[in-house]
C-alpha atoms as a PDB file:
ATOM      1  CA  MET A   1      -4.353  22.740 -19.691  1.00  0.00           C
ATOM      2  CA  THR A   2      -3.974  25.339 -17.060  1.00  0.00           C
ATOM      3  CA  ALA A   3      -0.779  27.165 -16.212  1.00  0.00           C
ATOM      4  CA  LEU A   4       0.238  27.267 -12.754  1.00  0.00           C
ATOM      5  CA  THR A   5       3.554  29.188 -12.657  1.00  0.00           C
ATOM      6  CA  ASP A   6       2.318  32.657 -13.524  1.00  0.00           C
ATOM      7  CA  PHE A   7       3.452  34.176 -10.440  1.00  0.00           C
ATOM      8  CA  ASP A   8       5.918  33.243  -7.972  1.00  0.00           C
ATOM      9  CA  GLY A   9       3.729  31.178  -5.491  1.00  0.00           C
ATOM     10  CA  THR A  10       3.157  34.034  -2.615  1.00  0.00           C
ATOM     11  CA  LYS A  11       2.100  36.945  -4.573  1.00  0.00           C
ATOM     12  CA  CYS A  12      -1.224  37.410  -6.712  1.00  0.00           C
ATOM     13  CA  PRO A  13      -1.647  39.990  -9.511  1.00  0.00           C
ATOM     14  CA  ASP A  14      -4.863  41.188  -8.607  1.00  0.00           C
ATOM     15  CA  PHE A  15      -4.093  41.576  -4.924  1.00  0.00           C
ATOM     16  CA  ASN A  16      -2.253  44.351  -3.538  1.00  0.00           C
ATOM     17  CA  PRO A  17      -3.399  44.861   0.536  1.00  0.00           C
ATOM     18  CA  ASP A  18      -2.281  47.194   2.594  1.00  0.00           C
ATOM     19  CA  PHE A  19      -1.599  47.270   6.146  1.00  0.00           C
ATOM     20  CA  ALA A  20      -5.220  46.793   7.065  1.00  0.00           C
ATOM     21  CA  PHE A  21      -5.503  44.057   4.992  1.00  0.00           C
ATOM     22  CA  LYS A  22      -8.094  45.753   2.252  1.00  0.00           C
ATOM     23  CA  ALA A  23      -8.797  42.822   0.770  1.00  0.00           C
ATOM     24  CA  CYS A  24      -9.970  43.259  -3.362  1.00  0.00           C
ATOM     25  CA  GLN A  25     -13.004  42.481  -4.909  1.00  0.00           C
ATOM     26  CA  TYR A  26     -11.950  38.462  -5.047  1.00  0.00           C
ATOM     27  CA  TYR A  27     -11.408  38.097  -1.137  1.00  0.00           C
ATOM     28  CA  ASP A  28     -13.372  35.250   0.485  1.00  0.00           C
ATOM     29  CA  PRO A  29     -12.746  35.885   4.459  1.00  0.00           C
ATOM     30  CA  ALA A  30     -12.449  32.201   6.112  1.00  0.00           C
ATOM     31  CA  ASP A  31     -14.505  31.821   9.562  1.00  0.00           C
ATOM     32  CA  THR A  32     -12.086  32.602  12.080  1.00  0.00           C
ATOM     33  CA  GLU A  33      -9.953  35.667  12.046  1.00  0.00           C
ATOM     34  CA  HIS A  34      -6.745  33.321  12.480  1.00  0.00           C
ATOM     35  CA  GLU A  35      -7.380  31.622   9.082  1.00  0.00           C
ATOM     36  CA  CYS A  36      -6.214  32.596   5.283  1.00  0.00           C
ATOM     37  CA  GLY A  37      -9.203  33.623   3.481  1.00  0.00           C
ATOM     38  CA  PHE A  38      -9.963  31.925   0.316  1.00  0.00           C
ATOM     39  CA  CYS A  39      -9.873  33.382  -3.499  1.00  0.00           C
ATOM     40  CA  LYS A  40     -13.475  33.805  -5.580  1.00  0.00           C
ATOM     41  CA  ARG A  41     -11.357  33.610  -9.049  1.00  0.00           C
ATOM     42  CA  ASP A  42     -11.825  29.845 -10.666  1.00  0.00           C
ATOM     43  CA  GLU A  43      -8.015  29.711 -10.768  1.00  0.00           C
ATOM     44  CA  TYR A  44      -7.248  30.270  -7.116  1.00  0.00           C
ATOM     45  CA  TYR A  45      -8.322  28.386  -3.865  1.00  0.00           C
ATOM     46  CA  ARG A  46      -6.613  30.251  -0.725  1.00  0.00           C
ATOM     47  CA  CYS A  47      -5.892  33.806  -1.248  1.00  0.00           C
ATOM     48  CA  ILE A  48      -2.533  33.737  -2.034  1.00  0.00           C
ATOM     49  CA  ALA A  49      -1.773  37.018  -0.348  1.00  0.00           C
ATOM     50  CA  ASP A  50      -3.156  36.400   3.020  1.00  0.00           C
ATOM     51  CA  VAL A  51      -1.375  32.928   3.085  1.00  0.00           C
ATOM     52  CA  SER A  52       0.914  34.057   5.938  1.00  0.00           C
ATOM     53  CA  ARG A  53      -2.223  34.162   8.552  1.00  0.00           C
ATOM     54  CA  GLY A  54      -2.312  30.807   8.431  1.00  0.00           C
ATOM     55  CA  VAL A  55      -3.857  27.666   6.960  1.00  0.00           C
ATOM     56  CA  PRO A  56      -5.590  25.146   9.086  1.00  0.00           C
ATOM     57  CA  LEU A  57      -3.228  21.881   9.481  1.00  0.00           C
ATOM     58  CA  SER A  58      -4.583  18.055   9.360  1.00  0.00           C
ATOM     59  CA  TYR A  59      -2.727  14.778   9.589  1.00  0.00           C
ATOM     60  CA  SER A  60      -3.007  14.190   5.426  1.00  0.00           C
ATOM     61  CA  SER A  61      -1.784  18.283   5.011  1.00  0.00           C
ATOM     62  CA  VAL A  62       1.267  17.934   7.464  1.00  0.00           C
ATOM     63  CA  SER A  63       2.183  14.281   5.792  1.00  0.00           C
ATOM     64  CA  ASP A  64       2.041  16.057   2.520  1.00  0.00           C
ATOM     65  CA  PHE A  65       4.671  18.824   3.505  1.00  0.00           C
ATOM     66  CA  LEU A  66       6.244  16.160   5.608  1.00  0.00           C
ATOM     67  CA  THR A  67       6.906  14.338   2.193  1.00  0.00           C
ATOM     68  CA  CYS A  68       7.755  17.732  -0.726  1.00  0.00           C
ATOM     69  CA  HIS A  69       6.919  21.212   0.476  1.00  0.00           C
ATOM     70  CA  HIS A  70       5.997  21.363  -3.127  1.00  0.00           C
ATOM     71  CA  LEU A  71       3.317  18.841  -2.666  1.00  0.00           C
ATOM     72  CA  TYR A  72       2.039  20.956   0.056  1.00  0.00           C
ATOM     73  CA  TYR A  73       1.640  23.652  -2.073  1.00  0.00           C
ATOM     74  CA  LEU A  74      -0.144  22.385  -4.757  1.00  0.00           C
ATOM     75  CA  LYS A  75      -2.920  20.930  -1.990  1.00  0.00           C
ATOM     76  CA  ALA A  76      -3.248  23.093   0.430  1.00  0.00           C
ATOM     77  CA  ILE A  77      -2.309  26.375  -1.240  1.00  0.00           C
ATOM     78  CA  ARG A  78      -3.054  25.943  -4.690  1.00  0.00           C
ATOM     79  CA  GLY A  79      -5.959  23.800  -3.804  1.00  0.00           C
ATOM     80  CA  ILE A  80      -5.303  21.214  -6.560  1.00  0.00           C
ATOM     81  CA  ARG A  81      -7.101  17.814  -6.244  1.00  0.00           C
ATOM     82  CA  VAL A  82      -7.311  14.627  -8.864  1.00  0.00           C
ATOM     83  CA  ARG A  83     -10.743  14.681  -9.995  1.00  0.00           C
ATOM     84  CA  ASP A  84     -12.613  11.907  -8.280  1.00  0.00           C
ATOM     85  CA  SER A  85     -13.192   9.853 -11.457  1.00  0.00           C
ATOM     86  CA  GLN A  86      -9.500   9.647 -11.993  1.00  0.00           C
ATOM     87  CA  CYS A  87      -8.606   8.672  -8.981  1.00  0.00           C
ATOM     88  CA  SER A  88      -6.669   4.920  -7.930  1.00  0.00           C
ATOM     89  CA  ASN A  89      -9.019   2.120  -7.738  1.00  0.00           C
ATOM     90  CA  PRO A  90      -7.752   1.409  -4.026  1.00  0.00           C
ATOM     91  CA  LEU A  91      -9.233   5.315  -3.083  1.00  0.00           C
ATOM     92  CA  LYS A  92     -12.203   4.740  -5.048  1.00  0.00           C
ATOM     93  CA  LEU A  93     -12.965   1.314  -3.088  1.00  0.00           C
ATOM     94  CA  GLY A  94     -12.215   2.941   0.228  1.00  0.00           C
ATOM     95  CA  THR A  95     -14.374   6.101  -0.742  1.00  0.00           C
ATOM     96  CA  LEU A  96     -17.112   3.757  -1.764  1.00  0.00           C
ATOM     97  CA  TRP A  97     -17.028   1.643   1.933  1.00  0.00           C
ATOM     98  CA  ASP A  98     -16.795   4.582   3.781  1.00  0.00           C
ATOM     99  CA  ARG A  99     -20.264   6.229   2.025  1.00  0.00           C
ATOM    100  CA  VAL A 100     -21.819   2.319   2.017  1.00  0.00           C
ATOM    101  CA  LEU A 101     -21.303   2.215   6.403  1.00  0.00           C
ATOM    102  CA  GLN A 102     -22.024   5.764   6.819  1.00  0.00           C
ATOM    103  CA  ARG A 103     -25.334   5.167   5.269  1.00  0.00           C
ATOM    104  CA  HIS A 104     -25.714   1.822   6.831  1.00  0.00           C
ATOM    105  CA  LEU A 105     -25.272   3.225  10.473  1.00  0.00           C
ATOM    106  CA  GLY A 106     -27.914   5.991   9.955  1.00  0.00           C
ATOM    107  CA  ASP A 107     -26.699   9.008   7.484  1.00  0.00           C
ATOM    108  CA  ARG A 108     -29.778   8.367   4.648  1.00  0.00           C
ATOM    109  CA  SER A 109     -28.249  11.283   2.667  1.00  0.00           C
ATOM    110  CA  GLN A 110     -25.536   9.232   1.436  1.00  0.00           C
ATOM    111  CA  ASP A 111     -26.558   8.570  -2.335  1.00  0.00           C
ATOM    112  CA  ILE A 112     -24.469   5.719  -3.483  1.00  0.00           C
ATOM    113  CA  PRO A 113     -25.450   5.048  -6.914  1.00  0.00           C
ATOM    114  CA  ALA A 114     -24.207   9.003  -7.354  1.00  0.00           C
ATOM    115  CA  ILE A 115     -21.520   8.149  -5.605  1.00  0.00           C
ATOM    116  CA  ILE A 116     -20.517   5.291  -8.119  1.00  0.00           C
ATOM    117  CA  ASP A 117     -21.341   7.576 -10.892  1.00  0.00           C
ATOM    118  CA  GLN A 118     -19.268  10.390  -9.727  1.00  0.00           C
ATOM    119  CA  TYR A 119     -16.267   8.676  -9.548  1.00  0.00           C
ATOM    120  CA  GLU A 120     -16.942   6.277 -12.218  1.00  0.00           C
ATOM    121  CA  ILE A 121     -16.038   2.999 -10.112  1.00  0.00           C
ATOM    122  CA  PRO A 122     -15.901  -0.073 -12.281  1.00  0.00           C
ATOM    123  CA  PRO A 123     -18.433  -2.657 -11.722  1.00  0.00           C
ATOM    124  CA  ARG A 124     -15.745  -5.394 -10.823  1.00  0.00           C
ATOM    125  CA  GLU A 125     -14.596  -2.773  -8.324  1.00  0.00           C
ATOM    126  CA  VAL A 126     -18.178  -2.131  -7.198  1.00  0.00           C
ATOM    127  CA  ALA A 127     -18.566  -5.857  -6.654  1.00  0.00           C
ATOM    128  CA  LYS A 128     -15.949  -6.367  -3.946  1.00  0.00           C
ATOM    129  CA  VAL A 129     -17.866  -3.315  -2.107  1.00  0.00           C
ATOM    130  CA  ARG A 130     -21.582  -5.115  -2.244  1.00  0.00           C
ATOM    131  CA  GLY A 131     -19.870  -8.666  -1.486  1.00  0.00           C
ATOM    132  CA  ILE A 132     -18.347  -7.461   1.642  1.00  0.00           C
ATOM    133  CA  TYR A 133     -21.496  -5.602   2.491  1.00  0.00           C
ATOM    134  CA  ARG A 134     -23.389  -8.684   2.311  1.00  0.00           C
ATOM    135  CA  ALA A 135     -21.245 -10.541   4.650  1.00  0.00           C
ATOM    136  CA  TYR A 136     -21.046  -7.418   6.724  1.00  0.00           C
ATOM    137  CA  LYS A 137     -24.761  -8.116   7.130  1.00  0.00           C
ATOM    138  CA  GLU A 138     -24.946 -11.707   7.077  1.00  0.00           C
ATOM    139  CA  LEU A 139     -22.346 -11.900  10.358  1.00  0.00           C
ATOM    140  CA  ASP A 140     -24.862  -9.576  12.137  1.00  0.00           C
ATOM    141  CA  ILE A 141     -21.951  -6.997  13.025  1.00  0.00           C
ATOM    142  CA  ARG A 142     -22.627  -4.766  15.451  1.00  0.00           C
ATOM    143  CA  VAL A 143     -21.624  -1.334  16.595  1.00  0.00           C
ATOM    144  CA  GLU A 144     -22.328   0.476  20.324  1.00  0.00           C
ATOM    145  CA  PRO A 145     -24.890   3.439  19.715  1.00  0.00           C
ATOM    146  CA  ASP A 146     -25.005   6.842  20.673  1.00  0.00           C
ATOM    147  CA  TYR A 147     -22.186   7.842  17.940  1.00  0.00           C
ATOM    148  CA  GLU A 148     -21.816  11.106  15.990  1.00  0.00           C
ATOM    149  CA  LEU A 149     -20.468  10.358  12.408  1.00  0.00           C
ATOM    150  CA  GLN A 150     -18.084  12.519  10.958  1.00  0.00           C
ATOM    151  CA  ALA A 151     -17.564  14.485  13.821  1.00  0.00           C
ATOM    152  CA  LYS A 152     -15.461  17.710  12.970  1.00  0.00           C
ATOM    153  CA  ILE A 153     -12.247  18.539  14.701  1.00  0.00           C
ATOM    154  CA  ASP A 154     -11.658  22.249  15.136  1.00  0.00           C
ATOM    155  CA  ASP A 155      -8.671  22.625  17.347  1.00  0.00           C
ATOM    156  CA  CYS A 156      -6.150  25.386  17.992  1.00  0.00           C
ATOM    157  CA  LEU A 157      -2.686  24.666  19.403  1.00  0.00           C
ATOM    158  CA  GLY A 158      -1.360  27.858  21.342  1.00  0.00           C
ATOM    159  CA  PHE A 159       2.045  28.765  21.279  1.00  0.00           C
ATOM    160  CA  ASP A 160       4.040  31.855  21.021  1.00  0.00           C
ATOM    161  CA  GLY A 161       2.679  33.613  17.734  1.00  0.00           C
ATOM    162  CA  PRO A 162       0.136  32.890  15.369  1.00  0.00           C
ATOM    163  CA  GLN A 163      -2.864  30.853  16.211  1.00  0.00           C
ATOM    164  CA  LEU A 164      -1.969  27.191  15.056  1.00  0.00           C
ATOM    165  CA  LEU A 165      -5.507  25.651  13.624  1.00  0.00           C
ATOM    166  CA  VAL A 166      -6.220  21.800  13.402  1.00  0.00           C
ATOM    167  CA  THR A 167      -8.694  20.314  11.403  1.00  0.00           C
ATOM    168  CA  GLY A 168      -9.695  16.395  10.591  1.00  0.00           C
ATOM    169  CA  TYR A 169     -13.243  14.228  11.045  1.00  0.00           C
ATOM    170  CA  TYR A 170     -13.695  11.144  13.280  1.00  0.00           C
ATOM    171  CA  ASP A 171     -15.471   8.907  11.511  1.00  0.00           C
ATOM    172  CA  ARG A 172     -17.438   7.127  14.469  1.00  0.00           C
ATOM    173  CA  LYS A 173     -16.915   9.219  17.966  1.00  0.00           C
ATOM    174  CA  TYR A 174     -18.069   8.365  21.123  1.00  0.00           C
ATOM    175  CA  PRO A 175     -17.968  10.030  24.390  1.00  0.00           C
ATOM    176  CA  ALA A 176     -14.921   8.692  25.426  1.00  0.00           C
ATOM    177  CA  TYR A 177     -13.413   6.701  22.319  1.00  0.00           C
ATOM    178  CA  PHE A 178     -13.524   7.161  18.570  1.00  0.00           C
ATOM    179  CA  VAL A 179     -13.253   4.907  15.861  1.00  0.00           C
ATOM    180  CA  GLU A 180     -11.400   4.713  12.476  1.00  0.00           C
ATOM    181  CA  ASN A 181     -12.693   2.913   9.097  1.00  0.00           C
ATOM    182  CA  LYS A 182     -10.592   1.699   6.634  1.00  0.00           C
ATOM    183  CA  PHE A 183     -10.948  -0.794   3.541  1.00  0.00           C
ATOM    184  CA  SER A 184      -7.162  -1.785   2.575  1.00  0.00           C
ATOM    185  CA  GLY A 185      -5.707  -4.367   1.311  1.00  0.00           C
ATOM    186  CA  ARG A 186      -2.558  -4.232   3.723  1.00  0.00           C
ATOM    187  CA  PRO A 187      -4.871  -4.595   6.943  1.00  0.00           C
ATOM    188  CA  ASP A 188      -1.602  -5.230   9.106  1.00  0.00           C
ATOM    189  CA  ASN A 189      -0.359  -1.254   7.911  1.00  0.00           C
ATOM    190  CA  TYR A 190      -2.891  -0.060  10.602  1.00  0.00           C
ATOM    191  CA  PHE A 191      -2.522  -2.412  13.556  1.00  0.00           C
ATOM    192  CA  ASP A 192       0.895  -0.739  14.594  1.00  0.00           C
ATOM    193  CA  PRO A 193       0.730   2.094  16.692  1.00  0.00           C
ATOM    194  CA  PHE A 194       4.129   3.391  14.979  1.00  0.00           C
ATOM    195  CA  PHE A 195       2.652   3.815  12.007  1.00  0.00           C
ATOM    196  CA  ILE A 196      -1.001   5.432  12.961  1.00  0.00           C
ATOM    197  CA  GLN A 197       0.244   7.526  15.537  1.00  0.00           C
ATOM    198  CA  SER A 198       0.268  10.545  13.106  1.00  0.00           C
ATOM    199  CA  GLN A 199      -3.701  10.426  12.313  1.00  0.00           C
ATOM    200  CA  VAL A 200      -4.737   9.052  15.223  1.00  0.00           C
ATOM    201  CA  GLY A 201      -2.590  11.172  17.599  1.00  0.00           C
ATOM    202  CA  VAL A 202      -4.222  14.161  15.997  1.00  0.00           C
ATOM    203  CA  TYR A 203      -7.255  12.756  17.295  1.00  0.00           C
ATOM    204  CA  PHE A 204      -6.381  12.004  20.742  1.00  0.00           C
ATOM    205  CA  MET A 205      -5.086  15.633  20.789  1.00  0.00           C
ATOM    206  CA  ALA A 206      -8.216  17.556  19.940  1.00  0.00           C
ATOM    207  CA  ASP A 207      -9.967  15.872  22.142  1.00  0.00           C
ATOM    208  CA  PRO A 208      -9.043  15.109  25.970  1.00  0.00           C
ATOM    209  CA  ARG A 209     -12.530  13.091  26.519  1.00  0.00           C
ATOM    210  CA  MET A 210     -11.053  10.712  24.369  1.00  0.00           C
ATOM    211  CA  GLU A 211      -9.373   7.243  26.148  1.00  0.00           C
ATOM    212  CA  SER A 212      -9.132   5.031  22.935  1.00  0.00           C
ATOM    213  CA  CYS A 213      -9.507   4.419  19.330  1.00  0.00           C
ATOM    214  CA  ILE A 214     -10.539   1.527  17.554  1.00  0.00           C
ATOM    215  CA  MET A 215      -9.422   0.548  14.105  1.00  0.00           C
ATOM    216  CA  GLU A 216     -11.809  -0.989  12.144  1.00  0.00           C
ATOM    217  CA  VAL A 217     -10.042  -2.230   9.173  1.00  0.00           C
ATOM    218  CA  ILE A 218     -11.454  -4.577   6.286  1.00  0.00           C
ATOM    219  CA  ARG A 219      -9.321  -6.251   4.178  1.00  0.00           C
ATOM    220  CA  SER A 220      -9.486  -5.352   0.498  1.00  0.00           C
ATOM    221  CA  PRO A 221     -11.018  -8.672  -1.429  1.00  0.00           C
ATOM    222  CA  ASP A 222      -8.571 -10.086  -3.957  1.00  0.00           C
ATOM    223  CA  LEU A 223      -9.927 -12.838  -5.743  1.00  0.00           C
ATOM    224  CA  ARG A 224      -8.784 -13.957  -9.026  1.00  0.00           C
ATOM    225  CA  SER A 225     -10.554 -14.497 -12.421  1.00  0.00           C
ATOM    226  CA  THR A 226      -8.992 -17.675 -13.371  1.00  0.00           C
ATOM    227  CA  GLY A 227     -10.090 -21.316 -14.658  1.00  0.00           C
ATOM    228  CA  LYS A 228     -13.945 -21.728 -14.415  1.00  0.00           C
ATOM    229  CA  ASN A 229     -14.376 -18.376 -13.300  1.00  0.00           C
ATOM    230  CA  LYS A 230     -12.498 -16.233 -16.282  1.00  0.00           C
ATOM    231  CA  ASP A 231     -15.422 -14.299 -17.488  1.00  0.00           C
ATOM    232  CA  GLU A 232     -17.465 -14.245 -14.733  1.00  0.00           C
ATOM    233  CA  GLU A 233     -20.017 -11.199 -14.657  1.00  0.00           C
ATOM    234  CA  PRO A 234     -19.794  -8.888 -11.603  1.00  0.00           C
ATOM    235  CA  GLU A 235     -22.616 -10.235  -9.753  1.00  0.00           C
ATOM    236  CA  ALA A 236     -21.153 -13.749 -10.312  1.00  0.00           C
ATOM    237  CA  TYR A 237     -17.680 -12.162  -8.267  1.00  0.00           C
ATOM    238  CA  SER A 238     -19.325 -10.446  -5.860  1.00  0.00           C
ATOM    239  CA  GLU A 239     -21.161 -13.587  -4.970  1.00  0.00           C
ATOM    240  CA  ARG A 240     -18.277 -15.278  -4.690  1.00  0.00           C
ATOM    241  CA  ILE A 241     -16.459 -12.930  -2.479  1.00  0.00           C
ATOM    242  CA  PHE A 242     -19.477 -12.877   0.218  1.00  0.00           C
ATOM    243  CA  GLN A 243     -19.250 -16.438   0.295  1.00  0.00           C
ATOM    244  CA  ASP A 244     -15.470 -16.493   0.789  1.00  0.00           C
ATOM    245  CA  ALA A 245     -15.996 -13.486   3.345  1.00  0.00           C
ATOM    246  CA  ILE A 246     -18.707 -15.443   5.753  1.00  0.00           C
ATOM    247  CA  SER A 247     -16.465 -18.454   5.423  1.00  0.00           C
ATOM    248  CA  ARG A 248     -13.457 -16.736   6.647  1.00  0.00           C
ATOM    249  CA  PRO A 249     -14.462 -13.464   8.828  1.00  0.00           C
ATOM    250  CA  SER A 250     -11.444 -13.258  10.780  1.00  0.00           C
ATOM    251  CA  TRP A 251      -9.375 -12.748   6.849  1.00  0.00           C
ATOM    252  CA  TYR A 252     -11.808 -10.627   5.483  1.00  0.00           C
ATOM    253  CA  PHE A 253     -12.695  -8.132   9.085  1.00  0.00           C
ATOM    254  CA  PRO A 254      -9.630  -8.446  11.288  1.00  0.00           C
ATOM    255  CA  GLY A 255     -10.353  -9.065  15.002  1.00  0.00           C
ATOM    256  CA  TRP A 256     -13.267 -10.833  14.393  1.00  0.00           C
ATOM    257  CA  ASP A 257     -14.980 -11.626  17.460  1.00  0.00           C
ATOM    258  CA  LYS A 258     -17.730 -14.325  17.084  1.00  0.00           C
ATOM    259  CA  LYS A 259     -19.646 -13.879  20.398  1.00  0.00           C
ATOM    260  CA  THR A 260     -19.512 -10.122  20.230  1.00  0.00           C
ATOM    261  CA  ARG A 261     -20.417  -9.881  16.429  1.00  0.00           C
ATOM    262  CA  ARG A 262     -17.603  -7.504  16.286  1.00  0.00           C
ATOM    263  CA  TYR A 263     -14.184  -6.360  14.612  1.00  0.00           C
ATOM    264  CA  GLY A 264     -11.156  -4.240  14.494  1.00  0.00           C
ATOM    265  CA  LYS A 265      -8.203  -3.710  17.465  1.00  0.00           C
ATOM    266  CA  ARG A 266      -8.701  -0.919  20.233  1.00  0.00           C
ATOM    267  CA  PHE A 267      -5.400   1.558  21.158  1.00  0.00           C
ATOM    268  CA  TRP A 268      -5.210   3.182  23.911  1.00  0.00           C
ATOM    269  CA  ARG A 269      -4.384   6.910  24.570  1.00  0.00           C
ATOM    270  CA  LYS A 270      -1.141   6.315  26.596  1.00  0.00           C
ATOM    271  CA  GLU A 271       0.663   4.083  23.496  1.00  0.00           C
ATOM    272  CA  PHE A 272       1.217   7.507  21.529  1.00  0.00           C
ATOM    273  CA  ASP A 273       3.193  10.103  22.441  1.00  0.00           C
ATOM    274  CA  LEU A 274       0.963  13.149  22.100  1.00  0.00           C
ATOM    275  CA  ASP A 275       3.295  15.918  23.034  1.00  0.00           C
ATOM    276  CA  GLY A 276       5.755  14.503  20.500  1.00  0.00           C
ATOM    277  CA  ILE A 277       2.869  15.042  17.605  1.00  0.00           C
ATOM    278  CA  ALA A 278       1.743  18.452  19.081  1.00  0.00           C
ATOM    279  CA  ASP A 279       4.942  19.591  19.160  1.00  0.00           C
ATOM    280  CA  ARG A 280       5.906  18.018  15.784  1.00  0.00           C
ATOM    281  CA  PHE A 281       2.420  20.336  14.310  1.00  0.00           C
ATOM    282  CA  VAL A 282       3.809  23.233  15.796  1.00  0.00           C
ATOM    283  CA  HIS A 283       7.247  23.094  13.880  1.00  0.00           C
ATOM    284  CA  VAL A 284       5.838  22.085  10.652  1.00  0.00           C
ATOM    285  CA  PHE A 285       3.795  25.221  11.261  1.00  0.00           C
ATOM    286  CA  ARG A 286       6.770  27.289  11.585  1.00  0.00           C
ATOM    287  CA  GLU A 287       8.616  25.953   8.677  1.00  0.00           C
ATOM    288  CA  ILE A 288       5.462  26.609   6.374  1.00  0.00           C
ATOM    289  CA  ARG A 289       5.603  29.918   7.606  1.00  0.00           C
ATOM    290  CA  VAL A 290       9.270  30.489   6.402  1.00  0.00           C
ATOM    291  CA  ALA A 291       8.347  28.593   3.483  1.00  0.00           C
ATOM    292  CA  LEU A 292       5.789  31.333   2.800  1.00  0.00           C
ATOM    293  CA  GLU A 293       8.375  34.215   3.589  1.00  0.00           C
ATOM    294  CA  HIS A 294      10.872  32.696   1.020  1.00  0.00           C
ATOM    295  CA  ASN A 295       8.609  31.031  -1.437  1.00  0.00           C
ATOM    296  CA  ALA A 296      10.362  27.527  -0.351  1.00  0.00           C
ATOM    297  CA  PHE A 297       7.769  25.570  -1.884  1.00  0.00           C
ATOM    298  CA  TYR A 298      10.708  23.278  -3.371  1.00  0.00           C
ATOM    299  CA  ARG A 299      10.034  19.911  -5.000  1.00  0.00           C
ATOM    300  CA  ASN A 300      11.837  16.881  -3.140  1.00  0.00           C
ATOM    301  CA  ASP A 301      12.258  14.561  -6.588  1.00  0.00           C
ATOM    302  CA  ARG A 302      13.085  11.165  -4.462  1.00  0.00           C
ATOM    303  CA  VAL A 303      10.092  10.940  -3.517  1.00  0.00           C
ATOM    304  CA  CYS A 304       8.143  11.430  -6.736  1.00  0.00           C
ATOM    305  CA  ASN A 305       7.458   7.564  -7.521  1.00  0.00           C
ATOM    306  CA  ASN A 306       7.409   6.570  -3.501  1.00  0.00           C
ATOM    307  CA  VAL A 307       5.255   9.063  -1.470  1.00  0.00           C
ATOM    308  CA  LEU A 308       3.887   5.734   0.117  1.00  0.00           C
ATOM    309  CA  PRO A 309       5.631   1.933  -0.552  1.00  0.00           C
ATOM    310  CA  GLY A 310       5.275   1.906  -4.137  1.00  0.00           C
ATOM    311  CA  ILE A 311       2.662   4.432  -4.891  1.00  0.00           C
ATOM    312  CA  GLN A 312       3.166   7.239  -7.337  1.00  0.00           C
ATOM    313  CA  CYS A 313       2.718  11.065  -6.064  1.00  0.00           C
ATOM    314  CA  ASP A 314      -0.796  12.027  -7.343  1.00  0.00           C
ATOM    315  CA  MET A 315       0.918  15.635  -8.610  1.00  0.00           C
ATOM    316  CA  LEU A 316       3.809  13.642 -10.685  1.00  0.00           C
ATOM    317  CA  PRO A 317       2.307  14.895 -14.217  1.00  0.00           C
ATOM    318  CA  ILE A 318       2.227  18.771 -12.882  1.00  0.00           C
ATOM    319  CA  CYS A 319       5.753  19.038 -11.839  1.00  0.00           C
ATOM    320  CA  ARG A 320       6.739  16.464 -15.124  1.00  0.00           C
ATOM    321  CA  THR A 321       5.077  19.741 -17.366  1.00  0.00           C
ATOM    322  CA  GLN A 322       6.612  22.336 -15.310  1.00  0.00           C
ATOM    323  CA  GLY A 323       3.173  23.353 -13.940  1.00  0.00           C
ATOM    324  CA  HIS A 324       0.549  22.511 -16.158  1.00  0.00           C
ATOM    325  CA  MET A 325      -2.321  20.811 -15.012  1.00  0.00           C
ATOM    326  CA  ASN A 326      -3.827  18.636 -17.016  1.00  0.00           C
ATOM    327  CA  ASP A 327      -8.059  19.692 -16.814  1.00  0.00           C
ATOM    328  CA  ASP A 328      -9.352  16.670 -17.609  1.00  0.00           C
ATOM    329  CA  VAL A 329      -7.308  14.700 -15.011  1.00  0.00           C
ATOM    330  CA  PHE A 330      -6.783  17.466 -11.996  1.00  0.00           C
ATOM    331  CA  GLU A 331      -9.230  20.397 -11.051  1.00  0.00           C
ATOM    332  CA  ILE A 332      -9.318  23.161  -8.136  1.00  0.00           C
ATOM    333  CA  ARG A 333     -11.110  22.614  -5.116  1.00  0.00           C
ATOM    334  CA  LYS A 334     -13.815  25.216  -4.592  1.00  0.00           C
ATOM    335  CA  ARG A 335     -14.826  26.017  -0.715  1.00  0.00           C
ATOM    336  CA  LYS A 336     -17.725  24.753   0.639  1.00  0.00           C
ATOM    337  CA  PRO A 337     -20.378  27.271   1.315  1.00  0.00           C
ATOM    338  CA  THR A 338     -21.042  27.347   5.186  1.00  0.00           C
ATOM    339  CA  PHE A 339     -24.278  28.106   6.454  1.00  0.00           C
END
């Protein structure tokens, strides 16, 4: 167990910078002068003495802060994440499908067996993705060429004060639109502009050339193994999913068009209140700075069991143990090397 409460959240026992911000031996500067640096020590992620410089915001970090200030602190500043092998099955499925699709679309660096091992994805869950992927190819689903996979967002929202950095990734980006891929048991959640505006709005905001967005959402299979299928092996389960998917493609690939061999739903830039979304980013950024100044990363225990409808917060075990992290379940992320 790693203790996370050995300081008050804003002071580091090994770092006392002066007005020139002379860093200690563990300080790892960020790529831009407006961004908070990192710490080389294993028990930290961001430099907690430098956080006033600003941590880039993303759709997910803004959502975390709005949900619970302490959730934001644990993930964005302390860098705590659930180990890949300990993630929920829906998250593992989404990750596996994302990697499979990236490889299918040209990213040959994606090592699918390694991903399965890394996340310890159960054979039955792998069978779901395998069955859907076979159906994807059998249906001859097509995509427009000339895309960029995982195009990075590095935007800067200007206002009176420190620079607000916004980050994220497009799943598939074209010159005038982008595509988001999802693998979900509730695909309808991604077809309502009101509920996707926070994420999609950031992507529109980051590039004024983007005129529209296509949400390509696949319904996660939920075939039950009962009766004659009670003891079926993963291979048989995958085959059954494949046969079901090609027999009713509109169910698994909402928006399926047999003529164009495409699926999904298109949304237009004008459908989203981009000014309002940008304004919220600015206000959240300011509120985070206030929280840093006053160490106000307090817990919102009203959402511990419901961060999303019916979904418990990943960080609840840490809060239950008063700031002690189970190293078998959690880890502190490392800064990705830059070249």
